[in-house]
Amino acid sequence: MEEIQKLSFMVKKEGEKGLVNPRWRKCEVENITCPQCGGMLIPGFTPSPTKILYSYCSRCNDYFVGE
């Protein structure tokens, strides 16, 4: 039987050591429409040092890079 992996979101707070659980806040988004199908993109970014902004469309199964 395959072991289930756990995904945990953590953030580094300025002035504190280590990582802590984030406080989630609702926000509005703009410019998040897939350029191919018009669906909603799922944004993400690569961690330091490169910090590349990208998005994924679950309908098209494609990734996009912000220019």
PDB file of N, CA and C in Angstrom:
ATOM      1  N   MET A   1       0.839  -1.177   0.000  1.00  0.00           N
ATOM      2  CA  MET A   1       0.000   0.000   0.000  1.00  0.00           C
ATOM      3  C   MET A   1       0.892   1.251   0.000  1.00  0.00           C
ATOM      4  N   GLU A   2       0.520   2.224  -0.819  1.00  0.00           N
ATOM      5  CA  GLU A   2       1.306   3.443  -0.969  1.00  0.00           C
ATOM      6  C   GLU A   2       1.074   4.389   0.214  1.00  0.00           C
ATOM      7  N   GLU A   3       2.160   4.975   0.698  1.00  0.00           N
ATOM      8  CA  GLU A   3       2.065   5.920   1.816  1.00  0.00           C
ATOM      9  C   GLU A   3       1.516   7.255   1.316  1.00  0.00           C
ATOM     10  N   ILE A   4       0.577   7.838   2.032  1.00  0.00           N
ATOM     11  CA  ILE A   4      -0.005   9.133   1.671  1.00  0.00           C
ATOM     12  C   ILE A   4       0.923  10.239   2.162  1.00  0.00           C
ATOM     13  N   GLN A   5       1.245  11.164   1.254  1.00  0.00           N
ATOM     14  CA  GLN A   5       2.103  12.290   1.586  1.00  0.00           C
ATOM     15  C   GLN A   5       1.268  13.437   2.136  1.00  0.00           C
ATOM     16  N   LYS A   6       1.858  14.220   3.000  1.00  0.00           N
ATOM     17  CA  LYS A   6       1.165  15.346   3.616  1.00  0.00           C
ATOM     18  C   LYS A   6       1.743  16.651   3.058  1.00  0.00           C
ATOM     19  N   LEU A   7       0.882  17.543   2.597  1.00  0.00           N
ATOM     20  CA  LEU A   7       1.289  18.843   2.079  1.00  0.00           C
ATOM     21  C   LEU A   7       0.948  19.888   3.129  1.00  0.00           C
ATOM     22  N   SER A   8       1.941  20.620   3.581  1.00  0.00           N
ATOM     23  CA  SER A   8       1.730  21.622   4.619  1.00  0.00           C
ATOM     24  C   SER A   8       2.254  22.972   4.134  1.00  0.00           C
ATOM     25  N   PHE A   9       1.409  23.997   4.188  1.00  0.00           N
ATOM     26  CA  PHE A   9       1.806  25.338   3.781  1.00  0.00           C
ATOM     27  C   PHE A   9       2.384  26.076   4.980  1.00  0.00           C
ATOM     28  N   MET A  10       3.596  26.576   4.832  1.00  0.00           N
ATOM     29  CA  MET A  10       4.277  27.298   5.900  1.00  0.00           C
ATOM     30  C   MET A  10       4.866  28.584   5.310  1.00  0.00           C
ATOM     31  N   VAL A  11       5.008  29.608   6.142  1.00  0.00           N
ATOM     32  CA  VAL A  11       5.595  30.883   5.709  1.00  0.00           C
ATOM     33  C   VAL A  11       6.654  31.322   6.715  1.00  0.00           C
ATOM     34  N   LYS A  12       7.566  32.155   6.234  1.00  0.00           N
ATOM     35  CA  LYS A  12       8.576  32.733   7.119  1.00  0.00           C
ATOM     36  C   LYS A  12       8.132  34.143   7.457  1.00  0.00           C
ATOM     37  N   LYS A  13       7.956  34.419   8.730  1.00  0.00           N
ATOM     38  CA  LYS A  13       7.552  35.757   9.165  1.00  0.00           C
ATOM     39  C   LYS A  13       8.802  36.594   9.435  1.00  0.00           C
ATOM     40  N   GLU A  14       8.744  37.842   9.009  1.00  0.00           N
ATOM     41  CA  GLU A  14       9.871  38.753   9.181  1.00  0.00           C
ATOM     42  C   GLU A  14      10.184  38.926  10.662  1.00  0.00           C
ATOM     43  N   GLY A  15      11.448  38.783  10.997  1.00  0.00           N
ATOM     44  CA  GLY A  15      11.889  38.972  12.372  1.00  0.00           C
ATOM     45  C   GLY A  15      11.773  37.732  13.244  1.00  0.00           C
ATOM     46  N   GLU A  16      11.256  36.628  12.712  1.00  0.00           N
ATOM     47  CA  GLU A  16      11.111  35.400  13.491  1.00  0.00           C
ATOM     48  C   GLU A  16      11.948  34.289  12.875  1.00  0.00           C
ATOM     49  N   LYS A  17      12.390  33.374  13.713  1.00  0.00           N
ATOM     50  CA  LYS A  17      13.153  32.228  13.228  1.00  0.00           C
ATOM     51  C   LYS A  17      12.198  31.109  12.863  1.00  0.00           C
ATOM     52  N   GLY A  18      12.533  30.352  11.827  1.00  0.00           N
ATOM     53  CA  GLY A  18      11.737  29.205  11.441  1.00  0.00           C
ATOM     54  C   GLY A  18      10.477  29.572  10.666  1.00  0.00           C
ATOM     55  N   LEU A  19       9.676  28.556  10.389  1.00  0.00           N
ATOM     56  CA  LEU A  19       8.450  28.720   9.616  1.00  0.00           C
ATOM     57  C   LEU A  19       7.229  28.583  10.511  1.00  0.00           C
ATOM     58  N   VAL A  20       6.156  29.270  10.138  1.00  0.00           N
ATOM     59  CA  VAL A  20       4.910  29.223  10.909  1.00  0.00           C
ATOM     60  C   VAL A  20       3.742  28.964   9.964  1.00  0.00           C
ATOM     61  N   ASN A  21       2.606  28.561  10.508  1.00  0.00           N
ATOM     62  CA  ASN A  21       1.394  28.398   9.713  1.00  0.00           C
ATOM     63  C   ASN A  21       0.903  29.771   9.259  1.00  0.00           C
ATOM     64  N   PRO A  22       0.502  29.905   7.977  1.00  0.00           N
ATOM     65  CA  PRO A  22       0.018  31.204   7.503  1.00  0.00           C
ATOM     66  C   PRO A  22      -1.393  31.495   7.997  1.00  0.00           C
ATOM     67  N   ARG A  23      -1.718  32.773   8.058  1.00  0.00           N
ATOM     68  CA  ARG A  23      -3.103  33.195   8.286  1.00  0.00           C
ATOM     69  C   ARG A  23      -3.670  33.478   6.903  1.00  0.00           C
ATOM     70  N   TRP A  24      -4.714  32.789   6.530  1.00  0.00           N
ATOM     71  CA  TRP A  24      -5.287  32.942   5.205  1.00  0.00           C
ATOM     72  C   TRP A  24      -6.319  34.058   5.213  1.00  0.00           C
ATOM     73  N   ARG A  25      -6.256  34.907   4.189  1.00  0.00           N
ATOM     74  CA  ARG A  25      -7.220  35.990   4.021  1.00  0.00           C
ATOM     75  C   ARG A  25      -7.830  35.909   2.634  1.00  0.00           C
ATOM     76  N   LYS A  26      -9.105  36.219   2.534  1.00  0.00           N
ATOM     77  CA  LYS A  26      -9.772  36.246   1.241  1.00  0.00           C
ATOM     78  C   LYS A  26      -9.290  37.467   0.463  1.00  0.00           C
ATOM     79  N   CYS A  27      -9.123  37.312  -0.850  1.00  0.00           N
ATOM     80  CA  CYS A  27      -8.666  38.435  -1.671  1.00  0.00           C
ATOM     81  C   CYS A  27      -9.344  38.378  -3.038  1.00  0.00           C
ATOM     82  N   GLU A  28      -9.281  39.469  -3.760  1.00  0.00           N
ATOM     83  CA  GLU A  28      -9.778  39.522  -5.124  1.00  0.00           C
ATOM     84  C   GLU A  28      -8.602  39.295  -6.068  1.00  0.00           C
ATOM     85  N   VAL A  29      -8.883  38.698  -7.212  1.00  0.00           N
ATOM     86  CA  VAL A  29      -7.820  38.452  -8.195  1.00  0.00           C
ATOM     87  C   VAL A  29      -8.193  39.107  -9.515  1.00  0.00           C
ATOM     88  N   GLU A  30      -7.179  39.419 -10.295  1.00  0.00           N
ATOM     89  CA  GLU A  30      -7.390  39.941 -11.631  1.00  0.00           C
ATOM     90  C   GLU A  30      -6.295  39.384 -12.533  1.00  0.00           C
ATOM     91  N   ASN A  31      -6.518  39.395 -13.813  1.00  0.00           N
ATOM     92  CA  ASN A  31      -5.557  38.908 -14.795  1.00  0.00           C
ATOM     93  C   ASN A  31      -5.186  37.447 -14.528  1.00  0.00           C
ATOM     94  N   ILE A  32      -6.187  36.603 -14.294  1.00  0.00           N
ATOM     95  CA  ILE A  32      -5.937  35.197 -13.994  1.00  0.00           C
ATOM     96  C   ILE A  32      -6.680  34.284 -14.972  1.00  0.00           C
ATOM     97  N   THR A  33      -6.985  34.823 -16.171  1.00  0.00           N
ATOM     98  CA  THR A  33      -7.712  34.086 -17.193  1.00  0.00           C
ATOM     99  C   THR A  33      -6.744  33.362 -18.122  1.00  0.00           C
ATOM    100  N   CYS A  34      -7.030  32.099 -18.402  1.00  0.00           N
ATOM    101  CA  CYS A  34      -6.196  31.300 -19.307  1.00  0.00           C
ATOM    102  C   CYS A  34      -6.226  31.919 -20.706  1.00  0.00           C
ATOM    103  N   PRO A  35      -5.058  32.138 -21.335  1.00  0.00           N
ATOM    104  CA  PRO A  35      -5.030  32.733 -22.669  1.00  0.00           C
ATOM    105  C   PRO A  35      -5.540  31.787 -23.764  1.00  0.00           C
ATOM    106  N   GLN A  36      -5.698  30.481 -23.441  1.00  0.00           N
ATOM    107  CA  GLN A  36      -6.157  29.520 -24.455  1.00  0.00           C
ATOM    108  C   GLN A  36      -7.655  29.241 -24.359  1.00  0.00           C
ATOM    109  N   CYS A  37      -8.159  28.960 -23.150  1.00  0.00           N
ATOM    110  CA  CYS A  37      -9.556  28.530 -23.029  1.00  0.00           C
ATOM    111  C   CYS A  37     -10.437  29.511 -22.266  1.00  0.00           C
ATOM    112  N   GLY A  38      -9.849  30.509 -21.613  1.00  0.00           N
ATOM    113  CA  GLY A  38     -10.618  31.491 -20.856  1.00  0.00           C
ATOM    114  C   GLY A  38     -10.964  31.043 -19.451  1.00  0.00           C
ATOM    115  N   GLY A  39     -10.521  29.844 -19.059  1.00  0.00           N
ATOM    116  CA  GLY A  39     -10.752  29.354 -17.701  1.00  0.00           C
ATOM    117  C   GLY A  39      -9.857  30.054 -16.691  1.00  0.00           C
ATOM    118  N   MET A  40     -10.011  29.687 -15.425  1.00  0.00           N
ATOM    119  CA  MET A  40      -9.218  30.308 -14.375  1.00  0.00           C
ATOM    120  C   MET A  40      -7.869  29.595 -14.214  1.00  0.00           C
ATOM    121  N   LEU A  41      -6.797  30.379 -14.156  1.00  0.00           N
ATOM    122  CA  LEU A  41      -5.463  29.841 -13.939  1.00  0.00           C
ATOM    123  C   LEU A  41      -5.185  29.675 -12.449  1.00  0.00           C
ATOM    124  N   ILE A  42      -4.332  28.727 -12.119  1.00  0.00           N
ATOM    125  CA  ILE A  42      -3.886  28.510 -10.751  1.00  0.00           C
ATOM    126  C   ILE A  42      -2.456  29.057 -10.663  1.00  0.00           C
ATOM    127  N   PRO A  43      -2.245  30.178  -9.960  1.00  0.00           N
ATOM    128  CA  PRO A  43      -0.918  30.792  -9.924  1.00  0.00           C
ATOM    129  C   PRO A  43       0.020  30.079  -8.958  1.00  0.00           C
ATOM    130  N   GLY A  44       1.302  30.254  -9.208  1.00  0.00           N
ATOM    131  CA  GLY A  44       2.334  29.720  -8.327  1.00  0.00           C
ATOM    132  C   GLY A  44       3.647  30.430  -8.600  1.00  0.00           C
ATOM    133  N   PHE A  45       4.646  30.147  -7.787  1.00  0.00           N
ATOM    134  CA  PHE A  45       5.971  30.689  -8.055  1.00  0.00           C
ATOM    135  C   PHE A  45       7.008  29.717  -7.534  1.00  0.00           C
ATOM    136  N   THR A  46       8.179  29.769  -8.159  1.00  0.00           N
ATOM    137  CA  THR A  46       9.274  28.911  -7.722  1.00  0.00           C
ATOM    138  C   THR A  46       9.958  29.570  -6.538  1.00  0.00           C
ATOM    139  N   PRO A  47      10.470  28.800  -5.606  1.00  0.00           N
ATOM    140  CA  PRO A  47      11.132  29.384  -4.433  1.00  0.00           C
ATOM    141  C   PRO A  47      12.458  30.052  -4.789  1.00  0.00           C
ATOM    142  N   SER A  48      13.039  30.719  -3.830  1.00  0.00           N
ATOM    143  CA  SER A  48      14.319  31.419  -4.009  1.00  0.00           C
ATOM    144  C   SER A  48      15.345  30.477  -4.610  1.00  0.00           C
ATOM    145  N   PRO A  49      16.317  30.949  -5.328  1.00  0.00           N
ATOM    146  CA  PRO A  49      16.638  32.340  -5.635  1.00  0.00           C
ATOM    147  C   PRO A  49      15.987  32.857  -6.907  1.00  0.00           C
ATOM    148  N   THR A  50      15.374  31.983  -7.745  1.00  0.00           N
ATOM    149  CA  THR A  50      14.874  32.439  -9.043  1.00  0.00           C
ATOM    150  C   THR A  50      13.542  33.170  -8.980  1.00  0.00           C
ATOM    151  N   LYS A  51      12.599  32.720  -8.155  1.00  0.00           N
ATOM    152  CA  LYS A  51      11.280  33.338  -7.987  1.00  0.00           C
ATOM    153  C   LYS A  51      10.597  33.637  -9.326  1.00  0.00           C
ATOM    154  N   ILE A  52      10.258  32.584 -10.061  1.00  0.00           N
ATOM    155  CA  ILE A  52       9.572  32.717 -11.349  1.00  0.00           C
ATOM    156  C   ILE A  52       8.068  32.570 -11.135  1.00  0.00           C
ATOM    157  N   LEU A  53       7.298  33.530 -11.640  1.00  0.00           N
ATOM    158  CA  LEU A  53       5.844  33.473 -11.570  1.00  0.00           C
ATOM    159  C   LEU A  53       5.342  32.597 -12.709  1.00  0.00           C
ATOM    160  N   TYR A  54       4.469  31.638 -12.384  1.00  0.00           N
ATOM    161  CA  TYR A  54       3.875  30.799 -13.410  1.00  0.00           C
ATOM    162  C   TYR A  54       2.427  30.504 -13.031  1.00  0.00           C
ATOM    163  N   SER A  55       1.658  29.987 -13.990  1.00  0.00           N
ATOM    164  CA  SER A  55       0.277  29.577 -13.743  1.00  0.00           C
ATOM    165  C   SER A  55       0.013  28.268 -14.457  1.00  0.00           C
ATOM    166  N   TYR A  56      -0.984  27.549 -13.943  1.00  0.00           N
ATOM    167  CA  TYR A  56      -1.379  26.274 -14.520  1.00  0.00           C
ATOM    168  C   TYR A  56      -2.866  26.311 -14.829  1.00  0.00           C
ATOM    169  N   CYS A  57      -3.245  25.812 -16.008  1.00  0.00           N
ATOM    170  CA  CYS A  57      -4.655  25.697 -16.379  1.00  0.00           C
ATOM    171  C   CYS A  57      -5.031  24.218 -16.312  1.00  0.00           C
ATOM    172  N   SER A  58      -5.984  23.887 -15.431  1.00  0.00           N
ATOM    173  CA  SER A  58      -6.373  22.488 -15.277  1.00  0.00           C
ATOM    174  C   SER A  58      -7.227  21.999 -16.450  1.00  0.00           C
ATOM    175  N   ARG A  59      -7.861  22.903 -17.180  1.00  0.00           N
ATOM    176  CA  ARG A  59      -8.623  22.511 -18.369  1.00  0.00           C
ATOM    177  C   ARG A  59      -7.694  22.140 -19.527  1.00  0.00           C
ATOM    178  N   CYS A  60      -6.741  23.024 -19.808  1.00  0.00           N
ATOM    179  CA  CYS A  60      -5.816  22.811 -20.934  1.00  0.00           C
ATOM    180  C   CYS A  60      -4.660  21.881 -20.569  1.00  0.00           C
ATOM    181  N   ASN A  61      -4.428  21.707 -19.259  1.00  0.00           N
ATOM    182  CA  ASN A  61      -3.292  20.921 -18.770  1.00  0.00           C
ATOM    183  C   ASN A  61      -1.978  21.532 -19.254  1.00  0.00           C
ATOM    184  N   ASP A  62      -1.897  22.867 -19.234  1.00  0.00           N
ATOM    185  CA  ASP A  62      -0.702  23.595 -19.679  1.00  0.00           C
ATOM    186  C   ASP A  62      -0.247  24.568 -18.606  1.00  0.00           C
ATOM    187  N   TYR A  63       1.044  24.894 -18.640  1.00  0.00           N
ATOM    188  CA  TYR A  63       1.653  25.869 -17.739  1.00  0.00           C
ATOM    189  C   TYR A  63       1.971  27.136 -18.519  1.00  0.00           C
ATOM    190  N   PHE A  64       1.916  28.281 -17.855  1.00  0.00           N
ATOM    191  CA  PHE A  64       2.214  29.568 -18.471  1.00  0.00           C
ATOM    192  C   PHE A  64       3.153  30.343 -17.562  1.00  0.00           C
ATOM    193  N   VAL A  65       4.065  31.107 -18.161  1.00  0.00           N
ATOM    194  CA  VAL A  65       5.032  31.914 -17.417  1.00  0.00           C
ATOM    195  C   VAL A  65       4.672  33.379 -17.620  1.00  0.00           C
ATOM    196  N   GLY A  66       4.670  34.160 -16.515  1.00  0.00           N
ATOM    197  CA  GLY A  66       4.394  35.590 -16.607  1.00  0.00           C
ATOM    198  C   GLY A  66       5.529  36.330 -17.298  1.00  0.00           C
ATOM    199  N   GLU A  67       5.180  37.233 -18.224  1.00  0.00           N
ATOM    200  CA  GLU A  67       6.186  38.024 -18.933  1.00  0.00           C
ATOM    201  C   GLU A  67       6.098  39.468 -18.524  1.00  0.00           C
TER     202      GLU A  67
END
